């Protein structure tokens, strides 16, 4: 069961609701991580650039600078800056949408479908639209029952899992560290699906990412608003 900061003397009913809030939150995290992994794999295979994995693009940027490749350097600077802008826009859209998941995911779905619909010779514009969408995605869920989660990057999740494993090996029985595998597993499965789709559809596979974002957004209507407020950034 996920840990809480307010379970002291909590009633059984409260603990039951909190347990379900955690399960629903993790299901949402898993779904959105699949979306992120799928989109990243499609973008990477179609263009050679990462759509959500900015650690990879940052390393590539450093290599491009050391090689004196100004064209690639400029391209990667634009990609990283676009991701930052996407994160900022995600918070803005989330706030304007009353911190509800649906408006945010519909915006993301629109951007992904735009990326898929652009002509082949407009690949950079398609890539930028997808990167903005992935940046915005991080505003959909920031934490679940007090546990930080990442949707478009998994290094932090694996690091938190590994540290939790180390504490468990030392005899500490803190909860919550195992759930860090949820976003990693979701992104891994999504990347496999994205790679298969890109093989058959190319960059048009982004339409599937857009459809998934819209479907998850509609399903989020079944999540109590109070729970959504707890998932999204303040």
Protein backbone atom coordinates (compact mmCIF):
# COMPACT_ATOMS: atom_id res chain seq x y z
CA UNK A 1 0.00 0.00 0.00
CA UNK A 2 1.23 3.47 -0.82
CA UNK A 3 2.46 5.52 2.14
CA UNK A 4 0.64 8.60 3.28
CA UNK A 5 1.52 11.65 5.28
CA UNK A 6 -1.82 11.56 7.11
CA UNK A 7 -2.63 7.95 8.01
CA UNK A 8 -2.10 8.52 11.77
CA UNK A 9 -5.34 7.52 13.53
CA UNK A 10 -7.12 7.45 10.16
CA UNK A 11 -10.42 5.63 9.96
CA UNK A 12 -10.70 2.36 7.98
CA UNK A 13 -12.92 4.13 5.46
CA UNK A 14 -10.32 6.83 4.92
CA UNK A 15 -7.57 4.25 4.47
CA UNK A 16 -9.71 2.36 1.96
CA UNK A 17 -10.30 5.52 -0.09
CA UNK A 18 -6.63 6.39 0.07
CA UNK A 19 -5.70 2.92 -1.13
CA UNK A 20 -8.03 3.24 -4.11
CA UNK A 21 -6.79 6.76 -4.83
CA UNK A 22 -3.28 5.34 -5.02
CA UNK A 23 -4.32 2.48 -7.31
CA UNK A 24 -6.21 4.78 -9.65
CA UNK A 25 -3.31 7.22 -9.68
CA UNK A 26 -0.85 4.48 -10.58
CA UNK A 27 -3.16 3.23 -13.33
CA UNK A 28 -3.18 6.76 -14.73
CA UNK A 29 0.61 6.94 -14.44
CA UNK A 30 0.96 3.61 -16.25
CA UNK A 31 -1.33 4.73 -19.08
CA UNK A 32 0.43 8.06 -19.56
CA UNK A 33 3.86 6.41 -19.39
CA UNK A 34 2.77 4.07 -22.19
CA UNK A 35 1.80 7.18 -24.16
CA UNK A 36 5.18 8.80 -23.49
CA UNK A 37 7.15 5.67 -24.42
CA UNK A 38 5.12 5.15 -27.59
CA UNK A 39 5.55 8.75 -28.72
CA UNK A 40 9.27 8.83 -27.91
CA UNK A 41 9.93 5.63 -29.88
CA UNK A 42 7.95 6.87 -32.88
CA UNK A 43 9.75 10.21 -32.90
CA UNK A 44 13.19 8.66 -32.41
CA UNK A 45 12.77 6.07 -35.15
CA UNK A 46 11.29 8.58 -37.59
CA UNK A 47 13.80 11.38 -37.02
CA UNK A 48 16.70 10.14 -34.89
CA UNK A 49 15.80 12.65 -32.18
CA UNK A 50 14.25 11.96 -28.78
CA UNK A 51 10.81 13.42 -28.15
CA UNK A 52 10.65 13.07 -24.37
CA UNK A 53 14.09 11.79 -23.33
CA UNK A 54 15.88 15.11 -22.89
CA UNK A 55 18.80 13.50 -21.03
CA UNK A 56 19.65 11.76 -24.30
CA UNK A 57 19.26 14.95 -26.30
CA UNK A 58 21.43 16.83 -23.79
CA UNK A 59 24.23 14.28 -24.17
CA UNK A 60 23.89 14.47 -27.95
CA UNK A 61 24.02 18.27 -27.69
CA UNK A 62 27.30 18.12 -25.78
CA UNK A 63 28.79 15.74 -28.37
CA UNK A 64 27.60 17.97 -31.22
CA UNK A 65 29.26 20.99 -29.58
CA UNK A 66 32.53 19.07 -29.12
CA UNK A 67 32.41 18.02 -32.79
CA UNK A 68 31.79 21.57 -33.92
CA UNK A 69 28.55 20.53 -35.66
CA UNK A 70 26.68 23.82 -35.46
CA UNK A 71 23.68 22.59 -37.43
CA UNK A 72 23.01 19.70 -35.06
CA UNK A 73 23.84 21.88 -32.06
CA UNK A 74 21.20 24.42 -33.03
CA UNK A 75 18.65 21.69 -33.72
CA UNK A 76 19.18 20.07 -30.31
CA UNK A 77 19.10 23.42 -28.47
CA UNK A 78 15.71 24.05 -30.08
CA UNK A 79 14.44 20.61 -29.09
CA UNK A 80 15.49 20.94 -25.44
CA UNK A 81 14.12 24.49 -25.19
CA UNK A 82 10.84 23.34 -26.75
CA UNK A 83 10.49 20.63 -24.11
CA UNK A 84 10.95 23.20 -21.34
CA UNK A 85 8.32 25.42 -22.96
CA UNK A 86 6.00 22.41 -23.18
CA UNK A 87 6.32 21.80 -19.45
CA UNK A 88 5.50 25.43 -18.75
CA UNK A 89 2.49 25.32 -21.07
CA UNK A 90 1.32 22.13 -19.37
CA UNK A 91 1.09 23.88 -16.02
CA UNK A 92 -0.68 26.85 -17.60
CA UNK A 93 -3.23 24.66 -19.40
CA UNK A 94 -3.77 22.56 -16.28
CA UNK A 95 -4.48 25.67 -14.21
CA UNK A 96 -6.77 27.20 -16.83
CA UNK A 97 -8.59 23.88 -17.08
CA UNK A 98 -9.27 23.86 -13.35
CA UNK A 99 -6.54 21.25 -12.74
CA UNK A 100 -8.56 18.61 -14.57
CA UNK A 101 -6.89 15.93 -16.64
CA UNK A 102 -9.24 16.01 -19.63
CA UNK A 103 -8.52 19.52 -21.01
CA UNK A 104 -4.77 18.92 -20.76
CA UNK A 105 -4.90 15.55 -22.49
CA UNK A 106 -7.16 16.87 -25.25
CA UNK A 107 -4.58 19.58 -25.97
CA UNK A 108 -1.87 16.91 -26.03
CA UNK A 109 -3.98 14.73 -28.34
CA UNK A 110 -4.47 17.68 -30.71
CA UNK A 111 -0.73 18.39 -30.87
CA UNK A 112 0.10 14.73 -31.54
CA UNK A 113 -2.49 14.50 -34.31
CA UNK A 114 -1.09 17.72 -35.81
CA UNK A 115 2.37 16.14 -35.76
CA UNK A 116 1.04 13.09 -37.58
CA UNK A 117 -0.87 15.14 -40.14
CA UNK A 118 2.03 17.38 -41.22
CA UNK A 119 3.71 16.49 -44.53
CA UNK A 120 6.91 14.46 -44.54
CA UNK A 121 9.04 17.49 -45.48
CA UNK A 122 7.83 19.25 -42.31
CA UNK A 123 9.42 16.70 -40.01
CA UNK A 124 10.99 19.27 -37.68
CA UNK A 125 7.66 21.01 -37.11
CA UNK A 126 6.04 17.65 -36.41
CA UNK A 127 8.81 16.82 -33.97
CA UNK A 128 8.40 20.15 -32.16
CA UNK A 129 4.64 19.63 -31.82
CA UNK A 130 5.23 16.18 -30.32
CA UNK A 131 7.90 17.53 -27.94
CA UNK A 132 5.57 20.28 -26.69
CA UNK A 133 2.94 17.58 -26.10
CA UNK A 134 5.36 15.45 -24.10
CA UNK A 135 6.46 18.44 -22.05
CA UNK A 136 2.83 19.23 -21.28
CA UNK A 137 2.21 15.60 -20.31
CA UNK A 138 4.30 16.01 -17.17
CA UNK A 139 1.61 18.30 -15.71
CA UNK A 140 -0.95 15.48 -15.80
CA UNK A 141 0.44 13.64 -12.75
CA UNK A 142 3.17 14.88 -10.43
CA UNK A 143 2.65 12.66 -7.40
CA UNK A 144 0.46 9.84 -6.12
CA UNK A 145 -0.25 9.71 -2.38
CA UNK A 146 2.85 11.76 -1.69
CA UNK A 147 5.15 9.73 -3.97
CA UNK A 148 6.83 11.69 -6.78
CA UNK A 149 6.42 10.16 -10.24
CA UNK A 150 7.76 11.02 -13.67
CA UNK A 151 5.90 10.33 -16.89
CA UNK A 152 8.28 11.15 -19.74
CA UNK A 153 11.57 10.12 -18.09
CA UNK A 154 12.41 7.05 -16.06
CA UNK A 155 15.94 7.61 -14.76
CA UNK A 156 14.55 9.11 -11.56
CA UNK A 157 12.10 6.24 -11.17
CA UNK A 158 14.85 3.63 -11.53
CA UNK A 159 17.04 5.58 -9.13
CA UNK A 160 14.27 5.75 -6.50
CA UNK A 161 13.59 2.05 -7.00
CA UNK A 162 17.26 1.21 -6.61
CA UNK A 163 17.64 3.28 -3.42
CA UNK A 164 14.51 1.65 -2.03
CA UNK A 165 15.92 -1.77 -2.86
CA UNK A 166 19.12 -0.87 -1.03
CA UNK A 167 17.17 0.16 2.09
CA UNK A 168 15.14 -3.06 1.88
CA UNK A 169 18.39 -5.08 1.73
CA UNK A 170 19.48 -3.28 4.91
CA UNK A 171 16.30 -4.36 6.66
CA UNK A 172 14.31 -1.14 6.33
CA UNK A 173 10.70 -1.76 5.39
CA UNK A 174 9.62 1.56 3.94
CA UNK A 175 6.78 1.32 1.45
CA UNK A 176 6.35 2.86 -1.94
CA UNK A 177 9.64 2.17 -3.67
CA UNK A 178 8.32 -0.78 -5.69
CA UNK A 179 5.72 1.37 -7.42
CA UNK A 180 8.54 3.27 -9.16
CA UNK A 181 8.64 0.38 -11.61
CA UNK A 182 5.17 1.36 -12.85
CA UNK A 183 6.29 4.35 -14.97
CA UNK A 184 9.36 2.45 -16.17
CA UNK A 185 7.30 -0.56 -17.23
CA UNK A 186 4.72 1.67 -18.88
CA UNK A 187 7.33 3.56 -20.87
CA UNK A 188 9.09 0.33 -21.88
CA UNK A 189 5.87 -1.29 -23.10
CA UNK A 190 4.84 1.92 -24.85
CA UNK A 191 8.20 2.14 -26.62
CA UNK A 192 7.79 -1.39 -27.95
CA UNK A 193 4.32 -0.53 -29.26
CA UNK A 194 5.60 2.71 -30.75
CA UNK A 195 8.46 0.96 -32.53
CA UNK A 196 6.08 -1.58 -34.08
CA UNK A 197 3.69 1.17 -35.16
CA UNK A 198 6.46 3.30 -36.66
CA UNK A 199 7.66 0.35 -38.73
CA UNK A 200 4.23 0.21 -40.37
CA UNK A 201 3.07 3.83 -40.35
CA UNK A 202 6.14 6.01 -40.00
CA UNK A 203 5.49 9.38 -38.35
CA UNK A 204 1.77 8.86 -39.03
CA UNK A 205 1.85 6.53 -36.03
CA UNK A 206 1.55 9.72 -33.95
CA UNK A 207 -2.18 9.50 -34.73
CA UNK A 208 -2.29 6.45 -32.45
CA UNK A 209 -0.55 8.42 -29.70
CA UNK A 210 -3.10 11.20 -30.12
CA UNK A 211 -5.97 8.71 -29.94
CA UNK A 212 -4.53 7.17 -26.77
CA UNK A 213 -4.19 10.61 -25.15
CA UNK A 214 -7.83 11.39 -25.96
CA UNK A 215 -9.06 8.03 -24.66
CA UNK A 216 -7.15 8.38 -21.38
CA UNK A 217 -8.50 11.91 -21.07
CA UNK A 218 -12.07 10.70 -21.44
CA UNK A 219 -11.49 7.89 -18.95
CA UNK A 220 -10.16 10.47 -16.48
CA UNK A 221 -13.73 11.77 -16.18
CA UNK A 222 -14.39 8.78 -13.93
CA UNK A 223 -11.68 9.90 -11.48
CA UNK A 224 -13.01 12.01 -8.58
CA UNK A 225 -12.01 15.64 -8.94
CA UNK A 226 -10.50 15.73 -5.45
CA UNK A 227 -8.17 12.91 -6.43
CA UNK A 228 -7.14 14.68 -9.63
CA UNK A 229 -6.27 17.77 -7.61
CA UNK A 230 -3.92 15.59 -5.57
CA UNK A 231 -2.23 14.14 -8.64
CA UNK A 232 -1.59 17.34 -10.58
CA UNK A 233 0.98 20.04 -9.77
CA UNK A 234 -0.21 22.97 -7.66
